[in-house]
Protein backbone atom coordinates (compact mmCIF):
# COMPACT_ATOMS: atom_id res chain seq x y z
CA UNK A 1 25.00 -55.39 -46.22
CA UNK A 2 21.79 -53.08 -48.18
CA UNK A 3 18.57 -51.08 -46.53
CA UNK A 4 15.77 -53.58 -45.98
CA UNK A 5 12.67 -51.70 -47.24
CA UNK A 6 10.32 -53.88 -46.37
CA UNK A 7 11.27 -52.67 -43.22
CA UNK A 8 9.53 -48.96 -43.83
CA UNK A 9 6.26 -49.60 -44.41
CA UNK A 10 4.41 -47.09 -47.23
CA UNK A 11 2.63 -45.67 -44.89
CA UNK A 12 4.09 -44.84 -41.53
CA UNK A 13 7.34 -43.07 -40.23
CA UNK A 14 10.48 -44.52 -38.96
CA UNK A 15 14.04 -44.18 -37.87
CA UNK A 16 17.02 -45.78 -38.76
CA UNK A 17 20.95 -45.62 -38.09
CA UNK A 18 22.31 -47.28 -40.65
CA UNK A 19 26.18 -48.08 -40.79
CA UNK A 20 27.85 -48.19 -43.94
CA UNK A 21 31.24 -49.98 -45.35
CA UNK A 22 32.21 -48.83 -48.68
CA UNK A 23 35.94 -48.84 -49.76
CA UNK A 24 36.90 -45.11 -52.12
CA UNK A 25 38.27 -45.19 -55.44
CA UNK A 26 41.52 -45.07 -53.83
CA UNK A 27 40.68 -48.17 -52.52
CA UNK A 28 40.59 -47.43 -48.61
CA UNK A 29 38.01 -49.25 -46.91
CA UNK A 30 35.68 -46.15 -45.37
CA UNK A 31 32.14 -46.18 -42.75
CA UNK A 32 29.29 -43.85 -42.74
CA UNK A 33 26.68 -43.54 -40.49
CA UNK A 34 23.62 -42.65 -41.22
CA UNK A 35 20.69 -40.81 -39.48
CA UNK A 36 17.94 -42.03 -41.99
CA UNK A 37 14.00 -40.38 -40.92
CA UNK A 38 11.35 -42.28 -43.31
CA UNK A 39 8.45 -39.89 -43.34
CA UNK A 40 6.57 -41.34 -46.72
CA UNK A 41 3.82 -38.76 -48.25
CA UNK A 42 0.96 -41.28 -47.43
CA UNK A 43 1.77 -41.30 -43.57
CA UNK A 44 -0.71 -39.67 -41.44
CA UNK A 45 -0.60 -35.78 -40.99
CA UNK A 46 -0.20 -36.20 -36.94
CA UNK A 47 2.36 -39.30 -37.53
CA UNK A 48 4.43 -36.70 -39.38
CA UNK A 49 3.99 -33.92 -37.33
CA UNK A 50 5.43 -36.23 -34.57
CA UNK A 51 8.22 -37.82 -35.82
CA UNK A 52 9.18 -34.10 -37.48
CA UNK A 53 8.69 -32.48 -34.01
CA UNK A 54 11.14 -35.56 -32.75
CA UNK A 55 13.86 -36.53 -34.97
CA UNK A 56 16.27 -33.29 -33.65
CA UNK A 57 15.95 -34.35 -29.94
CA UNK A 58 16.74 -37.45 -30.74
CA UNK A 59 19.47 -37.44 -32.98
CA UNK A 60 21.39 -35.68 -30.29
CA UNK A 61 20.65 -38.76 -27.99
CA UNK A 62 22.95 -40.68 -31.00
CA UNK A 63 26.61 -40.42 -31.26
CA UNK A 64 28.91 -41.01 -34.18
CA UNK A 65 25.64 -39.74 -36.74
CA UNK A 66 27.72 -38.46 -39.81
CA UNK A 67 25.18 -38.13 -42.87
CA UNK A 68 21.16 -37.49 -42.33
CA UNK A 69 18.96 -38.46 -44.80
CA UNK A 70 15.18 -37.66 -45.54
CA UNK A 71 13.01 -39.71 -47.26
CA UNK A 72 9.88 -39.95 -48.56
CA UNK A 73 10.21 -42.65 -51.25
CA UNK A 74 12.14 -45.63 -51.65
CA UNK A 75 14.11 -44.34 -54.49
CA UNK A 76 15.17 -41.57 -51.60
CA UNK A 77 16.95 -43.97 -49.55
CA UNK A 78 18.91 -46.69 -52.26
CA UNK A 79 21.99 -47.71 -52.30
CA UNK A 80 23.49 -45.39 -55.09
CA UNK A 81 21.99 -42.69 -52.78
CA UNK A 82 23.89 -44.10 -49.61
CA UNK A 83 26.68 -44.09 -51.92
CA UNK A 84 27.03 -40.70 -53.41
CA UNK A 85 26.04 -39.31 -49.59
CA UNK A 86 29.45 -41.41 -48.62
CA UNK A 87 31.61 -39.71 -50.96
């Protein structure tokens, strides 16, 4: 399953949790849970500040987060980036 970039507005911040299933080079099935903080450069400054200040508290409430990914551009959370961070 791919991340739907349409769920991330071009000018609004969002949080997302993504369960990434993959197969290693040794042919082992694995899963990594990503916490994605999406704050594009075109977001309002106030929105960026609110998301930045609440991110850690929000993330602490979630169990099982293994990898955090901060993105300001869609290329920073593409499938190739997800794969490289999961390994």
